[in-house]
Amino acid sequence: MAIVLLTNVVSGGKKSAEGSRHDAGVSLKNLGRVGTNPGVCGNNACEPESGETSSTCPQDCLCTDMSQGYKPKALYYYNIAMLAQISQDPDKWKSIGFGGFIFPLSIFNVQTAQGWKKNDGTTLESIIQSADSSKLSGFDMFLGFYSAAGSSHFPDWFDEENWNTTLQNIRELARIAKKYGFRGITFDMEGGRQADWEKIQPGKTFDETAQKARERGNQFAQAIISEYPGATIGFYPADRTINAGYSTTYKKIVRSFSAGILEQKPDKTLFMTERLYTPNCCGPMPEPNLQEANAKASGLSEQIMSAMKTEVDPALLENASVAHGSWPIGIPTRYNDPLRFEPQLISFKCSNKDYIWIYQQGNAWVADCVYNNSTSPTWDQKPCTGAENTIGGITYCCDRAFAQNERPKFVQTLKNFSNS
């Protein structure tokens, strides 16, 4: 689960195929707002925190083309080492349809005393300074870190000494983010092992452990806000607050930590999801089901908001929103099918008012090669051709044909999403 802190809320209205959805006099500031009032079906705002979905309130929550819904920015999840390269040709990334970036800091370890400095002396600030920041002002950018690096993970909830080190590093990260104009910080809890998060220490009860996790969430957010008061905090995969595949105790601990963050009232909190990565997001082939895509996107948003309402005063969710993630191309092969990508993005228009995010491994959106697992051919079942390469001990092949013939369809779909 990830929490993202962002400084600005991207404003975006909703409009229908028949024309502006503001004609009825609905205030723009209320559109898609996560508030404390009951949802009103037909008020031009899809309100998942009130139980509205594409099934229960289709007039507010069902998008059927790119012209409808909000105008969220698409964030690209990309290695911080590529920041300088991006600054050399920012127009290339804008032309694809990306409005910002999440830069994961997996090369650093948040628990070590040296913080944002590698063993070879490379620092996070030196990497950022290598880029021409004046060319990046048009993007919303975030610094993201893991709860784990290598074999490490968040300290035990009751380990004061190591938590003090971790929190100091988080304060430093917030200072860097503010200094160089990043919108906020994202936190990837995926690296944290479930057994570590839900472990009950001898002499401690589960309730005491959940309360301590909540306390750590408060400290986590306070560390960021103390250095960067306007930051947005994002966390992913937020699906872990509700996923049936995780134990009840683990989900409770995750919600407790998240609740602690919300209690510090950051300017913006993002619940970033991963459940819709996979091909089943958008219905069966050959004709993807748009109704199903909308139901899954709005339903997931509603489930997460409902889960968090059991932990905090609903008023604390007023500045929170859901940002669904997609993994359309790259390694390992996900859908690699442009027919599925379009209905997914249409459904995201109705369920994400601020941001969506695009995950990838490798450089699938711009490189001459799109790497696919050699045992799993590309979406059209043709074997990939070209030079072989080994990434992480797995052999992939360079699918130039896919890059040349199929990727442009994905790019055009993302352009349509971002420009509509």
Foldseek 3Di string as FASTA:
>chain_A
DKKFWFQDFDFWAWQAPVGRLCPVVQDSVPAQFLADDADDQPSLHQHLQNPGFCVVRVVNQAFDALRGFTQAFAEEEDALLCQQVCLVPVVVVVLLQHQAYEHEPLQFALQDLVQQAHPVGDGSVVSLVSHDLVSVVRHAYEYEYEQDHDPGGPPQLPPVVSLVSNLVSLLVVLLSCVVSPHRTYMYEDVPPDLCRLLPADPPGDLVRSLQSLLVSLLSNLCSNCVNPVSIGTEMPPLCLLPDPVDDPSSNSSVLSSVLSNLVNLGQAIENEHDPCAALPLFPDPPQTDLSSNRRVQSVSQSVSSNSNVVPDPSRSCRRYAYAYEYACFAPAHGQLDLNRVQSNLSSCSSRGNYYYYYYYPDDLLDDLFGWYQQVQAGNVPDGADDDWDADPNGITHGRNVCSVPPSVSSSVSSNSNNVD
